[in-house]
Protein backbone atom coordinates (compact mmCIF):
# COMPACT_ATOMS: atom_id res chain seq x y z
CA MET A 1 134.59 1.27 -51.05
CA LYS A 2 137.12 1.68 -53.74
CA GLN A 3 138.23 -1.89 -53.19
CA LEU A 4 134.71 -3.16 -53.93
CA LEU A 5 134.40 -1.31 -57.25
CA PRO A 6 136.36 -3.77 -59.29
CA PHE A 7 134.18 -6.62 -58.04
CA ALA A 8 131.01 -4.62 -58.83
CA ALA A 9 132.33 -3.88 -62.30
CA LEU A 10 133.23 -7.53 -62.82
CA PHE A 11 129.68 -8.50 -61.77
CA LEU A 12 128.12 -6.04 -64.15
CA VAL A 13 130.34 -7.25 -67.05
CA CYS A 14 129.54 -11.02 -66.31
CA SER A 15 125.88 -10.60 -65.48
CA PRO A 16 124.69 -10.86 -69.14
CA PHE A 17 126.49 -14.19 -69.39
CA LEU A 18 125.10 -15.36 -66.10
CA MET A 19 121.59 -14.29 -67.09
CA GLY A 20 122.12 -15.93 -70.46
CA ALA A 21 123.07 -19.16 -68.72
CA GLU A 22 119.96 -19.07 -66.68
CA SER A 23 117.90 -18.36 -69.77
CA GLN A 24 119.65 -21.26 -71.56
CA ASP A 25 118.60 -23.61 -68.74
CA SER A 26 114.99 -22.46 -68.84
CA GLU A 27 114.88 -23.07 -72.55
CA ASN A 28 115.93 -26.65 -72.04
CA PRO A 29 113.82 -28.00 -69.21
CA PRO A 30 114.10 -31.70 -68.26
CA ASP A 31 112.38 -34.15 -70.50
CA PRO A 32 108.62 -34.57 -69.57
CA THR A 33 107.68 -37.67 -67.62
CA LYS A 34 106.74 -40.59 -69.83
CA ASP A 35 103.60 -41.63 -67.91
CA HIS A 36 101.46 -42.71 -70.85
CA HIS A 37 101.62 -45.96 -72.86
CA PHE A 38 101.17 -46.52 -76.54
CA PHE A 39 100.35 -50.18 -77.29
CA VAL A 40 98.45 -52.43 -79.63
CA GLY A 41 95.17 -53.40 -78.01
CA VAL A 42 92.00 -55.03 -79.19
CA ASP A 43 88.77 -53.78 -80.81
CA LEU A 44 86.08 -56.27 -79.75
CA GLN A 45 82.89 -56.41 -81.74
CA ILE A 46 79.62 -58.22 -80.90
CA PRO A 47 76.35 -58.78 -82.85
CA TYR A 48 73.32 -56.72 -81.97
CA GLN A 49 70.18 -56.61 -84.07
CA ASP A 50 71.98 -58.24 -87.06
CA LYS A 51 74.84 -55.74 -87.01
CA LEU A 52 78.29 -55.68 -85.44
CA TYR A 53 79.11 -53.06 -82.87
CA SER A 54 82.38 -52.26 -81.16
CA ILE A 55 82.49 -52.70 -77.37
CA GLU A 56 83.27 -49.22 -76.14
CA LYS A 57 83.55 -49.98 -72.44
CA ILE A 58 83.65 -53.07 -70.22
CA TRP A 59 82.26 -52.29 -66.84
CA ASN A 60 80.90 -54.52 -63.95
CA ARG A 61 80.58 -57.65 -66.14
CA GLN A 62 78.78 -55.58 -68.71
CA ALA A 63 79.92 -54.86 -72.27
CA GLN A 64 78.70 -51.43 -73.49
CA ILE A 65 78.10 -50.65 -77.10
CA LYS A 66 76.63 -47.51 -78.70
CA VAL A 67 73.54 -48.05 -80.97
CA ASP A 68 72.25 -44.88 -82.72
CA GLY A 69 73.88 -42.77 -80.11
CA GLN A 70 72.43 -44.76 -77.17
CA ILE A 71 74.42 -46.90 -74.79
CA VAL A 72 73.30 -50.59 -74.78
CA THR A 73 74.74 -53.06 -72.28
CA GLU A 74 75.14 -56.80 -72.79
CA ASP A 75 76.09 -59.45 -70.15
CA ILE A 76 79.67 -60.51 -70.81
CA GLN A 77 78.93 -64.14 -69.85
CA ARG A 78 76.11 -64.40 -72.36
CA ILE A 79 78.01 -63.07 -75.39
CA LYS A 80 78.51 -66.03 -77.71
CA GLU A 81 79.78 -64.48 -80.91
CA ILE A 82 82.72 -62.05 -80.83
CA SER A 83 85.04 -60.77 -83.58
CA TYR A 84 88.12 -58.80 -82.95
CA ALA A 85 90.83 -56.63 -84.60
CA ARG A 86 94.02 -55.29 -83.23
CA GLN A 87 93.85 -51.61 -82.48
CA SER A 88 96.49 -48.91 -81.66
CA LYS A 89 95.58 -47.36 -78.20
CA ILE A 90 96.78 -44.99 -75.50
CA SER A 91 96.66 -45.76 -71.76
CA ASP A 92 97.76 -43.65 -68.85
CA HIS A 93 98.19 -46.77 -66.63
CA PHE A 94 100.10 -50.06 -66.82
CA ALA A 95 99.59 -53.54 -65.42
CA GLN A 96 102.00 -56.45 -65.02
CA ILE A 97 100.83 -60.05 -65.65
CA GLU A 98 103.25 -62.67 -64.36
CA ASN A 99 103.42 -66.46 -64.13
CA LEU A 100 100.52 -66.95 -66.51
CA SER A 101 99.58 -70.57 -67.19
CA CYS A 102 96.61 -71.83 -69.19
CA GLU A 103 96.27 -75.67 -69.10
CA PRO A 104 93.36 -77.90 -70.34
CA GLY A 105 92.19 -80.02 -67.41
CA TYR A 106 89.34 -82.29 -66.34
CA SER A 107 86.21 -81.53 -64.38
CA MET A 108 85.08 -84.16 -61.95
CA GLY A 109 82.80 -85.55 -64.65
CA TRP A 110 85.68 -86.15 -67.07
CA ASP A 111 88.66 -86.87 -64.63
CA PRO A 112 90.10 -90.21 -65.83
CA GLN A 113 90.90 -91.25 -62.23
CA VAL A 114 87.43 -90.52 -61.05
CA ASN A 115 85.92 -92.37 -64.05
CA ALA A 116 88.22 -95.39 -63.45
CA ALA A 117 87.19 -95.48 -59.85
CA ARG A 118 83.51 -95.33 -60.67
CA LEU A 119 83.87 -98.06 -63.30
CA GLN A 120 85.83 -100.33 -60.94
CA VAL A 121 83.26 -99.88 -58.15
CA GLY A 122 80.45 -100.68 -60.65
CA LEU A 123 82.13 -103.78 -62.03
CA ALA A 124 83.04 -105.00 -58.54
CA SER A 125 79.47 -104.50 -57.42
CA MET A 126 78.06 -106.45 -60.40
CA ALA A 127 80.70 -109.11 -59.95
CA SER A 128 79.84 -109.56 -56.29
CA ASP A 129 76.11 -109.86 -57.11
CA ALA A 130 76.65 -112.38 -59.91
CA LEU A 131 79.06 -114.49 -57.79
CA ALA A 132 76.56 -114.41 -54.89
CA ILE A 133 73.76 -115.73 -57.13
CA GLY A 134 76.02 -118.42 -58.45
CA GLU A 135 77.16 -119.55 -55.06
CA VAL A 136 73.58 -119.69 -53.78
CA ALA A 137 72.66 -121.83 -56.75
CA MET A 138 75.54 -124.17 -56.08
CA ARG A 139 74.71 -124.55 -52.37
CA ARG A 140 71.09 -125.15 -53.17
CA ALA A 141 71.92 -127.77 -55.71
CA GLU A 142 74.19 -129.56 -53.43
CA SER A 143 71.74 -129.50 -50.52
CA ILE A 144 68.86 -131.08 -52.44
CA ASN A 145 71.15 -133.31 -54.51
CA SER A 146 68.96 -132.59 -57.53
CA PHE A 147 71.73 -132.79 -60.07
CA SER A 148 75.36 -133.65 -60.51
CA TYR A 149 78.05 -131.08 -60.68
CA ASN A 150 80.89 -132.06 -62.96
CA ASP A 151 82.83 -129.05 -64.11
CA PRO A 152 82.21 -125.39 -62.88
CA GLY A 153 83.67 -124.17 -66.12
CA ALA A 154 81.31 -126.15 -68.31
CA PRO A 155 78.25 -124.60 -69.93
CA ALA A 156 75.08 -124.55 -67.84
CA SER A 157 73.48 -127.04 -70.29
CA ASN A 158 75.83 -129.75 -69.09
CA PHE A 159 74.15 -129.82 -65.68
CA GLU A 160 71.21 -132.07 -65.85
CA PRO A 161 68.77 -132.12 -62.90
CA SER A 162 67.63 -135.54 -61.65
CA THR A 163 64.72 -134.60 -59.54
CA GLY A 164 63.14 -131.46 -58.17
CA PRO A 165 62.56 -128.01 -59.63
CA PRO A 166 64.74 -126.63 -62.54
CA PRO A 167 68.17 -125.48 -61.29
CA MET A 168 69.38 -121.82 -61.16
CA ASN A 169 71.56 -120.76 -64.11
CA TYR A 170 75.33 -121.29 -63.40
CA GLU A 171 76.16 -118.67 -65.99
CA TYR A 172 75.73 -116.18 -63.16
CA TYR A 173 78.81 -117.64 -61.51
CA GLN A 174 80.89 -117.42 -64.70
CA GLN A 175 79.65 -113.86 -65.38
CA GLY A 176 80.63 -112.90 -61.83
CA GLN A 177 84.18 -114.24 -62.48
CA ARG A 178 84.51 -112.24 -65.67
CA LEU A 179 83.28 -109.00 -64.13
CA GLN A 180 85.67 -109.49 -61.21
CA GLN A 181 88.59 -109.86 -63.59
CA GLN A 182 87.59 -106.68 -65.46
CA SER A 183 87.46 -104.84 -62.24
CA VAL A 184 91.01 -105.86 -61.44
CA GLU A 185 92.17 -104.78 -64.91
CA VAL A 186 90.48 -101.30 -64.52
CA GLN A 187 92.17 -100.86 -61.19
CA LYS A 188 95.51 -101.85 -62.75
CA HIS A 189 95.45 -99.71 -65.89
CA GLY A 190 93.20 -96.79 -64.96
CA GLY A 191 90.46 -97.52 -67.50
CA GLY A 192 88.95 -95.14 -70.01
CA SER A 193 90.39 -93.66 -73.20
CA SER A 194 93.88 -92.32 -73.38
CA LYS A 195 92.41 -89.08 -74.66
CA PRO A 196 89.21 -88.48 -72.64
CA PRO A 197 87.23 -85.28 -73.34
CA ARG A 198 88.01 -82.13 -71.29
CA ASP A 199 85.58 -79.60 -70.14
CA LEU A 200 87.67 -77.50 -67.83
CA LEU A 201 90.55 -74.97 -68.21
CA HIS A 202 92.92 -74.13 -65.37
CA ILE A 203 94.07 -70.48 -65.54
CA LYS A 204 96.57 -69.09 -62.98
CA PHE A 205 98.46 -65.86 -62.87
CA SER A 206 99.43 -62.91 -60.75
CA LEU A 207 98.51 -59.34 -61.61
CA LYS A 208 99.55 -55.87 -60.29
CA ALA A 209 98.80 -52.40 -61.60
CA ASP A 210 100.42 -49.00 -61.11
CA ARG A 211 97.39 -47.90 -59.16
CA TYR A 212 94.41 -49.40 -57.37
CA PHE A 213 91.38 -50.53 -59.43
CA PRO A 214 88.33 -51.94 -57.60
CA SER A 215 87.58 -54.30 -60.49
CA GLY A 216 88.83 -55.38 -63.87
CA HIS A 217 88.61 -57.95 -66.64
CA LEU A 218 91.10 -60.03 -68.54
CA VAL A 219 89.97 -60.95 -72.01
CA PHE A 220 91.55 -64.18 -73.40
CA VAL A 221 91.51 -64.99 -77.04
CA PHE A 222 92.55 -68.64 -77.55
CA GLN A 223 93.41 -70.28 -80.77
CA LEU A 224 92.40 -73.94 -80.38
CA LYS A 225 93.19 -77.17 -82.33
CA GLU A 226 92.01 -80.70 -82.35
CA GLU A 227 95.29 -82.51 -82.74
CA PRO A 228 98.74 -81.81 -81.15
CA ASP A 229 100.40 -81.35 -84.56
CA GLY A 230 97.28 -79.79 -86.26
CA GLU A 231 96.40 -76.28 -87.20
CA PRO A 232 94.05 -74.08 -85.15
CA THR A 233 90.41 -74.66 -86.07
CA MET A 234 88.58 -72.19 -83.83
CA SER A 235 88.92 -69.05 -81.79
CA TRP A 236 87.54 -69.09 -78.17
CA PHE A 237 87.00 -65.98 -76.07
CA HIS A 238 86.76 -65.84 -72.30
CA PHE A 239 86.15 -62.85 -70.03
CA LEU A 240 87.68 -63.25 -66.58
CA SER A 241 86.41 -60.90 -63.88
CA MET A 242 88.74 -59.79 -60.94
CA LYS A 243 88.49 -57.47 -57.97
CA ASP A 244 90.93 -55.35 -55.92
CA ILE A 245 93.72 -54.94 -58.36
CA SER A 246 96.54 -53.05 -56.69
CA PRO A 247 100.24 -52.24 -56.91
CA GLU A 248 100.96 -54.85 -54.28
CA GLY A 249 99.81 -57.55 -56.64
CA LYS A 250 97.61 -60.62 -56.22
CA THR A 251 97.54 -64.22 -57.49
CA TYR A 252 94.36 -65.43 -59.19
CA ASP A 253 93.45 -69.10 -59.72
CA TYR A 254 90.42 -70.03 -61.81
CA GLN A 255 88.80 -73.23 -63.02
CA ILE A 256 86.86 -72.52 -66.22
CA GLU A 257 84.16 -75.08 -66.89
CA SER A 258 83.01 -73.79 -70.30
CA TYR A 259 86.24 -74.84 -72.08
CA PRO A 260 85.42 -76.72 -75.33
CA ASP A 261 85.73 -80.51 -74.86
CA GLY A 262 88.89 -82.20 -76.14
CA MET A 263 90.51 -79.05 -77.68
CA LEU A 264 94.13 -78.13 -77.34
CA ILE A 265 95.57 -74.63 -76.92
CA ASP A 266 97.69 -73.47 -79.90
CA SER A 267 98.23 -69.88 -78.71
CA GLN A 268 96.53 -67.15 -76.66
CA GLU A 269 96.36 -63.39 -76.43
CA VAL A 270 95.55 -61.46 -73.28
CA PHE A 271 93.94 -58.03 -72.97
CA PHE A 272 93.31 -56.10 -69.68
CA PHE A 273 90.33 -53.82 -69.13
CA ALA A 274 89.99 -51.87 -65.87
CA ASN A 275 87.01 -49.62 -65.13
CA GLY A 276 85.97 -49.49 -68.65
CA SER A 277 88.96 -48.92 -70.90
CA GLU A 278 91.80 -51.18 -72.02
CA ILE A 279 95.10 -50.76 -70.14
CA ALA A 280 98.56 -51.59 -71.45
CA THR A 281 100.29 -54.70 -70.01
CA ASN A 282 103.60 -56.48 -70.51
CA TYR A 283 101.62 -58.77 -72.95
CA SER A 284 100.62 -55.78 -75.11
CA PRO A 285 102.50 -55.76 -78.43
CA LYS A 286 104.32 -52.65 -79.56
CA HIS A 287 104.35 -51.16 -76.10
CA VAL A 288 106.07 -47.74 -75.98
CA GLN A 289 105.99 -45.19 -73.20
CA MET A 290 105.39 -41.53 -74.10
CA ASN A 291 104.63 -38.25 -72.39
CA ALA A 292 101.15 -36.58 -72.05
CA ALA A 293 101.76 -34.18 -74.92
CA ASP A 294 102.75 -36.93 -77.37
CA ALA A 295 99.82 -39.06 -76.20
CA GLN A 296 97.44 -36.13 -76.86
CA THR A 297 98.85 -35.67 -80.33
CA PHE A 298 98.49 -39.36 -81.08
CA ILE A 299 94.87 -39.74 -79.99
CA ASN A 300 93.99 -36.62 -81.90
CA TYR A 301 95.40 -38.02 -85.12
CA LEU A 302 93.65 -41.37 -84.56
CA TYR A 303 90.38 -39.48 -83.81
CA LEU A 304 90.59 -37.45 -86.99
CA ALA A 305 91.40 -40.51 -89.08
CA LYS A 306 88.27 -42.30 -87.77
CA ASN A 307 85.95 -39.30 -88.17
CA GLU A 308 86.78 -37.94 -91.57
CA GLY A 309 84.16 -35.37 -92.67
CA ARG A 310 82.05 -35.75 -89.46
CA THR A 311 80.73 -33.05 -87.17
CA ARG A 312 80.53 -33.78 -83.51
CA PRO A 313 81.15 -32.12 -80.04
CA PRO A 314 84.26 -32.69 -77.92
CA GLN A 315 84.70 -36.12 -76.45
CA ARG A 316 86.07 -37.46 -73.17
CA THR A 317 88.47 -40.44 -73.29
CA TRP A 318 87.55 -43.05 -70.70
CA LYS A 319 89.38 -42.80 -67.39
CA TYR A 320 88.93 -43.87 -63.85
CA LEU A 321 88.84 -40.95 -61.48
CA SER A 322 90.50 -41.31 -58.11
CA PRO A 323 88.64 -42.68 -55.03
CA GLU A 324 89.10 -39.24 -53.45
CA PHE A 325 87.16 -37.60 -56.26
CA SER A 326 84.17 -39.82 -55.57
CA SER A 327 84.44 -39.65 -51.82
CA ARG A 328 84.10 -35.84 -51.79
CA LEU A 329 80.78 -35.99 -53.64
CA LYS A 330 77.49 -36.33 -51.77
CA ASP A 331 74.73 -38.41 -53.31
CA ASP A 332 72.63 -35.37 -54.15
CA MET A 333 75.50 -34.02 -56.27
CA LYS A 334 75.45 -36.98 -58.76
CA ASP A 335 72.92 -35.17 -60.92
CA GLU A 336 75.01 -31.94 -61.07
CA SER A 337 76.98 -31.17 -64.21
CA ILE A 338 80.33 -29.69 -65.11
CA THR A 339 81.09 -27.86 -68.40
CA LEU A 340 84.52 -28.10 -69.88
CA LYS A 341 85.69 -25.65 -72.54
CA ILE A 342 88.08 -27.54 -74.83
CA ASP A 343 90.24 -26.02 -77.54
CA GLN A 344 90.94 -27.45 -81.02
CA LYS A 345 93.91 -29.42 -79.71
CA GLY A 346 91.77 -31.17 -77.01
CA ILE A 347 93.13 -29.16 -74.12
CA VAL A 348 90.75 -27.94 -71.38
CA THR A 349 90.88 -24.17 -71.12
CA ASP A 350 88.19 -23.60 -68.54
CA VAL A 351 85.97 -25.58 -66.07
CA VAL A 352 82.52 -24.17 -65.33
CA MET A 353 80.50 -25.36 -62.31
CA GLY A 354 78.41 -24.10 -59.46
CA GLN A 355 80.13 -22.67 -56.39
CA SER A 356 78.87 -25.42 -54.04
CA LEU A 357 80.30 -28.12 -56.30
CA GLN A 358 83.50 -26.22 -56.68
CA ASP A 359 83.86 -26.04 -52.90
CA ALA A 360 83.05 -29.72 -52.55
CA LEU A 361 85.57 -30.93 -55.01
CA GLY A 362 88.49 -28.66 -54.27
CA PRO A 363 91.33 -27.54 -56.66
CA GLY A 364 93.07 -30.92 -56.74
CA ASN A 365 90.05 -32.86 -58.02
CA ILE A 366 89.06 -30.16 -60.49
CA GLN A 367 92.67 -30.29 -61.80
CA GLU A 368 92.43 -34.06 -62.08
CA LEU A 369 89.34 -33.80 -64.22
CA SER A 370 90.62 -31.09 -66.42
CA SER A 371 94.01 -32.81 -67.02
CA GLU A 372 92.49 -35.88 -68.69
CA LEU A 373 92.96 -36.52 -72.35
CA TYR A 374 90.08 -35.05 -74.36
CA LEU A 375 89.25 -35.01 -78.07
CA PRO A 376 88.33 -31.70 -79.72
CA GLY A 377 85.02 -30.96 -81.42
CA LEU A 378 84.81 -31.53 -85.15
CA ARG A 379 83.21 -29.58 -87.94
CA GLU A 380 83.23 -31.44 -91.22
CA GLY A 381 86.19 -33.48 -90.03
CA LYS A 382 88.30 -30.52 -88.88
CA PRO A 383 89.05 -29.89 -85.13
CA VAL A 384 87.34 -26.91 -83.57
CA ALA A 385 86.96 -25.55 -80.05
CA GLY A 386 83.80 -26.51 -78.15
CA GLU A 387 82.21 -27.31 -74.91
CA LEU A 388 81.56 -30.65 -73.22
CA THR A 389 79.03 -31.04 -70.36
CA LEU A 390 79.47 -34.00 -68.06
CA ARG A 391 76.97 -35.35 -65.46
CA LEU A 392 78.94 -36.34 -62.37
CA GLY A 393 76.87 -39.46 -61.96
CA ASP A 394 78.15 -40.68 -65.29
CA ILE A 395 81.84 -40.21 -64.63
CA VAL A 396 82.12 -41.30 -61.04
CA TYR A 397 81.77 -44.99 -60.08
């Protein structure tokens, strides 16, 4: 026992330092995971009732805008006039676009080879008809010996009938020879203009995301010009719809027939939207990864800057909930609501729902919903705590 006393005393003497070391470690935890993405995205605006409105969400080939507090949807393919401005954004997902190529091409209607073949066939057909008529006329003339044939290359007026009915016109024969020669030239040189119009754009790329998305949209903004050395003269937008975007990746190959005829691509920008909101990609300018706390701070500052002096309830940032969240809900639960209590920093402090819904979702899905990025309520432009009620049918797709 006496032999153990020195060791016990040594432990008691050293324990403050040991405890202090443990305390020091707890005060310096590992850096939080940088699972959010700051990037420069795009703010798209479309005209509606003589005013411009920002597209808040892109979902199932629909662009959603908010008019007087009400959501209005417009078909993406029918949107003709779009304006855009670059916008700083936060995304909690990332997508990789690789091997992107955008090349003007030809549709079947404008393909020079197809046009040359059609022209050649047409000329050859007319040449054949004209030659046949001329040969029939020659044989008929010889058979009835109604006139003398001196020179096939001479004008038809040189052929004078001696007896019988008027002869057939030998210009058919000469015309057939000319058409036949033109057909040969078309076949040799390809025919058509060296710069025929184009009405097709060939876009090819591969895309993979850090999680599965059932659908998404690439928004291309092309700057087009009329001459190879000229300056851009127009902006052209195109929404490209995709399905089954996954971490495994997939190659997409599109022929776009609405491409403006004869225009050349000077440059292009690419923006990716999945299940509503824009997601950062390797094509996004100013892309920086950050942790959830920094992301929350950033969107709060951006939110306050946009809503100076306004009063409004807390807001939910757009996010795609996991397939499991949706699979645990029965159809009759889509009309049920969840109330989130959100503090002045945008953090969820409590989730209020019925017991049956709580049992159906389970702790994991409730945690997923409450851990999203939210925006605090505002009173005269200053952040305040508040409540946000969400209908499940509006947040599950």
